[in-house]
Amino acid sequence: MTIDKKWKTLCDRIKTEFNIDADLNGVLFLIGIREMGWMPRKFTKEEKQDLIDLGTFSLFEMKGYCTRSGNDREGWPMWEIQSDVNAMPAEEKMELLKTTAIEYMDDVWQ
């Protein structure tokens, strides 16, 4: 199965099971919620963005681009960048996030 088909399958399943927008930010948001160990609830705009960032860094960590260096006073993970992922072209970064999100969610649903 191609990455595009796997991505569509993942997004369809998330839309069905969690009733959230199943785009890249929606998937990253869901991963962030899981990484914090929280149950879905109403989140502030700032919390939503923080959860999307957490999902992003969690996936980058899986590929060795960063490592967790602890938590801040509010309990949010802090990261140490191992490789300059920001230098990666946007399209390549998006593909990396999608393929890693597929791997992540496959592990979750096994």
N, C-alpha and C. Protein backbone atom coordinates (compact mmCIF):
# COMPACT_ATOMS: atom_id res chain seq x y z
N MET A 1 0.85 -1.18 0.00
CA MET A 1 0.00 0.00 0.00
C MET A 1 0.90 1.24 0.00
N THR A 2 0.55 2.23 -0.80
CA THR A 2 1.35 3.45 -0.88
C THR A 2 1.16 4.30 0.38
N ILE A 3 2.08 5.23 0.58
CA ILE A 3 1.99 6.15 1.73
C ILE A 3 0.69 6.94 1.67
N ASP A 4 0.32 7.41 0.48
CA ASP A 4 -0.92 8.19 0.35
C ASP A 4 -2.15 7.36 0.77
N LYS A 5 -2.19 6.10 0.37
CA LYS A 5 -3.32 5.24 0.76
C LYS A 5 -3.30 4.96 2.26
N LYS A 6 -2.10 4.71 2.81
CA LYS A 6 -1.99 4.47 4.26
C LYS A 6 -2.43 5.72 5.03
N TRP A 7 -2.03 6.91 4.52
CA TRP A 7 -2.40 8.16 5.17
C TRP A 7 -3.91 8.36 5.15
N LYS A 8 -4.53 8.10 4.01
CA LYS A 8 -5.98 8.24 3.89
C LYS A 8 -6.69 7.26 4.83
N THR A 9 -6.20 6.04 4.91
CA THR A 9 -6.78 5.04 5.81
C THR A 9 -6.67 5.50 7.25
N LEU A 10 -5.50 6.03 7.63
CA LEU A 10 -5.30 6.54 8.98
C LEU A 10 -6.26 7.69 9.27
N CYS A 11 -6.34 8.65 8.36
CA CYS A 11 -7.22 9.81 8.57
C CYS A 11 -8.69 9.40 8.66
N ASP A 12 -9.10 8.46 7.83
CA ASP A 12 -10.48 7.97 7.88
C ASP A 12 -10.77 7.31 9.22
N ARG A 13 -9.84 6.51 9.71
CA ARG A 13 -10.04 5.83 11.00
C ARG A 13 -10.11 6.83 12.15
N ILE A 14 -9.25 7.82 12.13
CA ILE A 14 -9.26 8.84 13.18
C ILE A 14 -10.56 9.63 13.14
N LYS A 15 -11.00 9.99 11.97
CA LYS A 15 -12.26 10.74 11.82
C LYS A 15 -13.41 9.92 12.39
N THR A 16 -13.44 8.62 12.10
CA THR A 16 -14.51 7.74 12.57
C THR A 16 -14.45 7.53 14.08
N GLU A 17 -13.25 7.25 14.61
CA GLU A 17 -13.11 6.89 16.03
C GLU A 17 -13.12 8.09 16.97
N PHE A 18 -12.60 9.24 16.51
CA PHE A 18 -12.43 10.38 17.42
C PHE A 18 -13.21 11.62 17.02
N ASN A 19 -13.82 11.59 15.85
CA ASN A 19 -14.63 12.70 15.37
C ASN A 19 -13.85 14.03 15.40
N ILE A 20 -12.60 13.97 14.91
CA ILE A 20 -11.80 15.19 14.79
C ILE A 20 -11.36 15.32 13.35
N ASP A 21 -10.99 16.54 12.96
CA ASP A 21 -10.47 16.76 11.61
C ASP A 21 -9.24 15.90 11.43
N ALA A 22 -9.27 15.10 10.41
CA ALA A 22 -8.20 14.13 10.20
C ALA A 22 -7.21 14.63 9.15
N ASP A 23 -6.65 15.82 9.39
CA ASP A 23 -5.56 16.30 8.57
C ASP A 23 -4.28 16.13 9.40
N LEU A 24 -3.16 16.62 8.90
CA LEU A 24 -1.91 16.42 9.63
C LEU A 24 -1.98 17.03 11.02
N ASN A 25 -2.51 18.25 11.15
CA ASN A 25 -2.60 18.87 12.48
C ASN A 25 -3.52 18.08 13.40
N GLY A 26 -4.59 17.53 12.88
CA GLY A 26 -5.49 16.72 13.70
C GLY A 26 -4.80 15.48 14.23
N VAL A 27 -4.00 14.84 13.39
CA VAL A 27 -3.26 13.65 13.81
C VAL A 27 -2.20 14.03 14.84
N LEU A 28 -1.47 15.12 14.60
CA LEU A 28 -0.46 15.57 15.56
C LEU A 28 -1.10 15.94 16.89
N PHE A 29 -2.27 16.57 16.85
CA PHE A 29 -3.02 16.92 18.06
C PHE A 29 -3.36 15.67 18.86
N LEU A 30 -3.86 14.65 18.19
CA LEU A 30 -4.22 13.40 18.85
C LEU A 30 -2.99 12.73 19.47
N ILE A 31 -1.88 12.73 18.75
CA ILE A 31 -0.64 12.17 19.28
C ILE A 31 -0.19 12.95 20.52
N GLY A 32 -0.30 14.28 20.46
CA GLY A 32 0.06 15.10 21.62
C GLY A 32 -0.79 14.77 22.85
N ILE A 33 -2.09 14.58 22.64
CA ILE A 33 -2.98 14.20 23.76
C ILE A 33 -2.51 12.88 24.36
N ARG A 34 -2.21 11.93 23.50
CA ARG A 34 -1.76 10.61 23.97
C ARG A 34 -0.44 10.71 24.72
N GLU A 35 0.48 11.50 24.19
CA GLU A 35 1.79 11.65 24.84
C GLU A 35 1.68 12.29 26.22
N MET A 36 0.71 13.17 26.40
CA MET A 36 0.50 13.78 27.72
C MET A 36 -0.27 12.87 28.66
N GLY A 37 -0.88 11.82 28.10
CA GLY A 37 -1.66 10.90 28.92
C GLY A 37 -3.02 11.48 29.28
N TRP A 38 -3.50 12.41 28.50
CA TRP A 38 -4.77 13.07 28.77
C TRP A 38 -5.90 12.39 28.02
N MET A 39 -7.10 12.60 28.50
CA MET A 39 -8.31 12.19 27.79
C MET A 39 -8.76 13.38 26.94
N PRO A 40 -9.37 13.10 25.78
CA PRO A 40 -9.89 14.22 24.98
C PRO A 40 -10.90 15.03 25.79
N ARG A 41 -10.80 16.34 25.68
CA ARG A 41 -11.70 17.27 26.35
C ARG A 41 -11.66 18.58 25.57
N LYS A 42 -12.28 19.60 26.09
CA LYS A 42 -12.22 20.92 25.46
C LYS A 42 -10.88 21.54 25.82
N PHE A 43 -10.10 21.94 24.81
CA PHE A 43 -8.80 22.53 25.03
C PHE A 43 -8.81 23.99 24.58
N THR A 44 -7.98 24.80 25.24
CA THR A 44 -7.82 26.19 24.81
C THR A 44 -7.03 26.20 23.50
N LYS A 45 -7.06 27.33 22.82
CA LYS A 45 -6.31 27.48 21.57
C LYS A 45 -4.82 27.24 21.82
N GLU A 46 -4.30 27.78 22.92
CA GLU A 46 -2.88 27.60 23.25
C GLU A 46 -2.56 26.13 23.54
N GLU A 47 -3.44 25.45 24.27
CA GLU A 47 -3.22 24.03 24.55
C GLU A 47 -3.23 23.22 23.25
N LYS A 48 -4.16 23.55 22.35
CA LYS A 48 -4.21 22.83 21.08
C LYS A 48 -2.90 22.97 20.32
N GLN A 49 -2.37 24.19 20.25
CA GLN A 49 -1.11 24.40 19.55
C GLN A 49 0.03 23.68 20.25
N ASP A 50 0.05 23.71 21.58
CA ASP A 50 1.08 23.00 22.34
C ASP A 50 1.00 21.49 22.10
N LEU A 51 -0.22 20.96 22.00
CA LEU A 51 -0.39 19.52 21.75
C LEU A 51 0.04 19.15 20.33
N ILE A 52 -0.22 20.01 19.37
CA ILE A 52 0.25 19.77 18.00
C ILE A 52 1.78 19.79 17.98
N ASP A 53 2.39 20.75 18.67
CA ASP A 53 3.86 20.80 18.76
C ASP A 53 4.40 19.54 19.43
N LEU A 54 3.75 19.10 20.49
CA LEU A 54 4.18 17.89 21.19
C LEU A 54 4.10 16.68 20.27
N GLY A 55 3.01 16.58 19.51
CA GLY A 55 2.90 15.49 18.54
C GLY A 55 4.02 15.53 17.52
N THR A 56 4.33 16.73 17.05
CA THR A 56 5.40 16.90 16.06
C THR A 56 6.74 16.46 16.63
N PHE A 57 7.09 16.95 17.81
CA PHE A 57 8.38 16.61 18.40
C PHE A 57 8.44 15.13 18.78
N SER A 58 7.33 14.54 19.18
CA SER A 58 7.31 13.11 19.49
C SER A 58 7.65 12.28 18.25
N LEU A 59 7.12 12.70 17.10
CA LEU A 59 7.44 11.99 15.86
C LEU A 59 8.88 12.24 15.45
N PHE A 60 9.36 13.47 15.58
CA PHE A 60 10.76 13.76 15.26
C PHE A 60 11.69 12.95 16.17
N GLU A 61 11.30 12.76 17.42
CA GLU A 61 12.11 11.97 18.34
C GLU A 61 12.24 10.53 17.85
N MET A 62 11.14 9.98 17.32
CA MET A 62 11.18 8.62 16.80
C MET A 62 12.22 8.45 15.70
N LYS A 63 12.51 9.51 14.97
CA LYS A 63 13.45 9.45 13.86
C LYS A 63 14.82 10.03 14.22
N GLY A 64 15.03 10.36 15.50
CA GLY A 64 16.34 10.81 15.95
C GLY A 64 16.65 12.28 15.74
N TYR A 65 15.64 13.09 15.40
CA TYR A 65 15.87 14.51 15.18
C TYR A 65 15.92 15.31 16.48
N CYS A 66 15.40 14.75 17.56
CA CYS A 66 15.43 15.42 18.86
C CYS A 66 15.29 14.38 19.96
N THR A 67 15.60 14.81 21.19
CA THR A 67 15.42 13.95 22.36
C THR A 67 14.77 14.79 23.46
N ARG A 68 14.00 14.11 24.31
CA ARG A 68 13.40 14.80 25.45
C ARG A 68 14.49 15.12 26.45
N SER A 69 14.45 16.35 26.96
CA SER A 69 15.47 16.76 27.93
C SER A 69 14.87 17.04 29.30
N GLY A 70 13.60 16.71 29.49
CA GLY A 70 12.94 16.94 30.76
C GLY A 70 11.57 17.56 30.54
N ASN A 71 11.02 18.11 31.61
CA ASN A 71 9.72 18.78 31.54
C ASN A 71 9.85 20.18 32.14
N ASP A 72 9.00 21.07 31.66
CA ASP A 72 8.98 22.41 32.24
C ASP A 72 8.12 22.40 33.51
N ARG A 73 7.95 23.56 34.13
CA ARG A 73 7.20 23.65 35.39
C ARG A 73 5.74 23.23 35.26
N GLU A 74 5.20 23.33 34.06
CA GLU A 74 3.80 22.97 33.84
C GLU A 74 3.64 21.51 33.42
N GLY A 75 4.76 20.78 33.31
CA GLY A 75 4.71 19.37 32.95
C GLY A 75 4.83 19.07 31.47
N TRP A 76 5.05 20.10 30.65
CA TRP A 76 5.21 19.90 29.21
C TRP A 76 6.63 19.45 28.91
N PRO A 77 6.80 18.46 28.03
CA PRO A 77 8.15 18.02 27.68
C PRO A 77 8.96 19.13 27.02
N MET A 78 10.25 19.10 27.30
CA MET A 78 11.20 20.01 26.65
C MET A 78 12.09 19.13 25.76
N TRP A 79 12.61 19.73 24.69
CA TRP A 79 13.32 18.95 23.67
C TRP A 79 14.70 19.53 23.40
N GLU A 80 15.62 18.65 23.09
CA GLU A 80 16.94 19.04 22.64
C GLU A 80 17.05 18.59 21.18
N ILE A 81 17.28 19.54 20.29
CA ILE A 81 17.36 19.24 18.86
C ILE A 81 18.68 18.54 18.57
N GLN A 82 18.63 17.39 17.90
CA GLN A 82 19.81 16.63 17.53
C GLN A 82 20.24 16.89 16.09
N SER A 83 19.29 17.29 15.27
CA SER A 83 19.55 17.53 13.86
C SER A 83 18.67 18.70 13.41
N ASP A 84 19.16 19.50 12.52
CA ASP A 84 18.41 20.69 12.12
C ASP A 84 17.27 20.33 11.18
N VAL A 85 16.18 19.90 11.76
CA VAL A 85 15.00 19.53 10.97
C VAL A 85 14.40 20.75 10.28
N ASN A 86 14.66 21.95 10.81
CA ASN A 86 14.14 23.17 10.19
C ASN A 86 14.77 23.43 8.83
N ALA A 87 15.95 22.88 8.58
CA ALA A 87 16.60 23.05 7.29
C ALA A 87 15.98 22.16 6.22
N MET A 88 15.19 21.18 6.65
CA MET A 88 14.55 20.26 5.72
C MET A 88 13.46 20.99 4.92
N PRO A 89 13.38 20.76 3.63
CA PRO A 89 12.30 21.38 2.84
C PRO A 89 10.92 21.01 3.40
N ALA A 90 9.98 21.95 3.33
CA ALA A 90 8.66 21.77 3.93
C ALA A 90 7.97 20.51 3.44
N GLU A 91 8.03 20.23 2.16
CA GLU A 91 7.36 19.05 1.62
C GLU A 91 7.97 17.76 2.17
N GLU A 92 9.29 17.74 2.29
CA GLU A 92 9.98 16.58 2.85
C GLU A 92 9.63 16.39 4.32
N LYS A 93 9.56 17.51 5.04
CA LYS A 93 9.20 17.46 6.46
C LYS A 93 7.78 16.92 6.63
N MET A 94 6.85 17.35 5.77
CA MET A 94 5.47 16.88 5.84
C MET A 94 5.39 15.38 5.57
N GLU A 95 6.15 14.90 4.58
CA GLU A 95 6.17 13.47 4.28
C GLU A 95 6.75 12.68 5.45
N LEU A 96 7.80 13.21 6.07
CA LEU A 96 8.40 12.56 7.24
C LEU A 96 7.38 12.46 8.36
N LEU A 97 6.66 13.55 8.63
CA LEU A 97 5.65 13.52 9.68
C LEU A 97 4.53 12.53 9.37
N LYS A 98 4.08 12.50 8.14
CA LYS A 98 3.01 11.57 7.77
C LYS A 98 3.44 10.12 7.91
N THR A 99 4.61 9.77 7.38
CA THR A 99 5.05 8.38 7.46
C THR A 99 5.31 7.96 8.90
N THR A 100 5.86 8.86 9.69
CA THR A 100 6.14 8.54 11.09
C THR A 100 4.84 8.47 11.89
N ALA A 101 3.85 9.32 11.56
CA ALA A 101 2.54 9.25 12.23
C ALA A 101 1.86 7.91 11.93
N ILE A 102 2.00 7.44 10.70
CA ILE A 102 1.44 6.13 10.35
C ILE A 102 2.08 5.04 11.21
N GLU A 103 3.41 5.06 11.33
CA GLU A 103 4.13 4.10 12.18
C GLU A 103 3.65 4.20 13.62
N TYR A 104 3.57 5.42 14.13
CA TYR A 104 3.17 5.66 15.52
C TYR A 104 1.78 5.07 15.78
N MET A 105 0.82 5.42 14.91
CA MET A 105 -0.54 4.96 15.13
C MET A 105 -0.68 3.46 14.90
N ASP A 106 0.09 2.89 14.00
CA ASP A 106 0.08 1.43 13.83
C ASP A 106 0.49 0.76 15.14
N ASP A 107 1.52 1.30 15.82
CA ASP A 107 1.94 0.77 17.11
C ASP A 107 0.84 0.92 18.16
N VAL A 108 0.16 2.05 18.16
CA VAL A 108 -0.90 2.30 19.14
C VAL A 108 -2.05 1.32 18.97
N TRP A 109 -2.42 1.06 17.72
CA TRP A 109 -3.60 0.24 17.45
C TRP A 109 -3.32 -1.26 17.40
N GLN A 110 -2.08 -1.67 17.64
CA GLN A 110 -1.79 -3.11 17.65
C GLN A 110 -2.19 -3.74 18.95
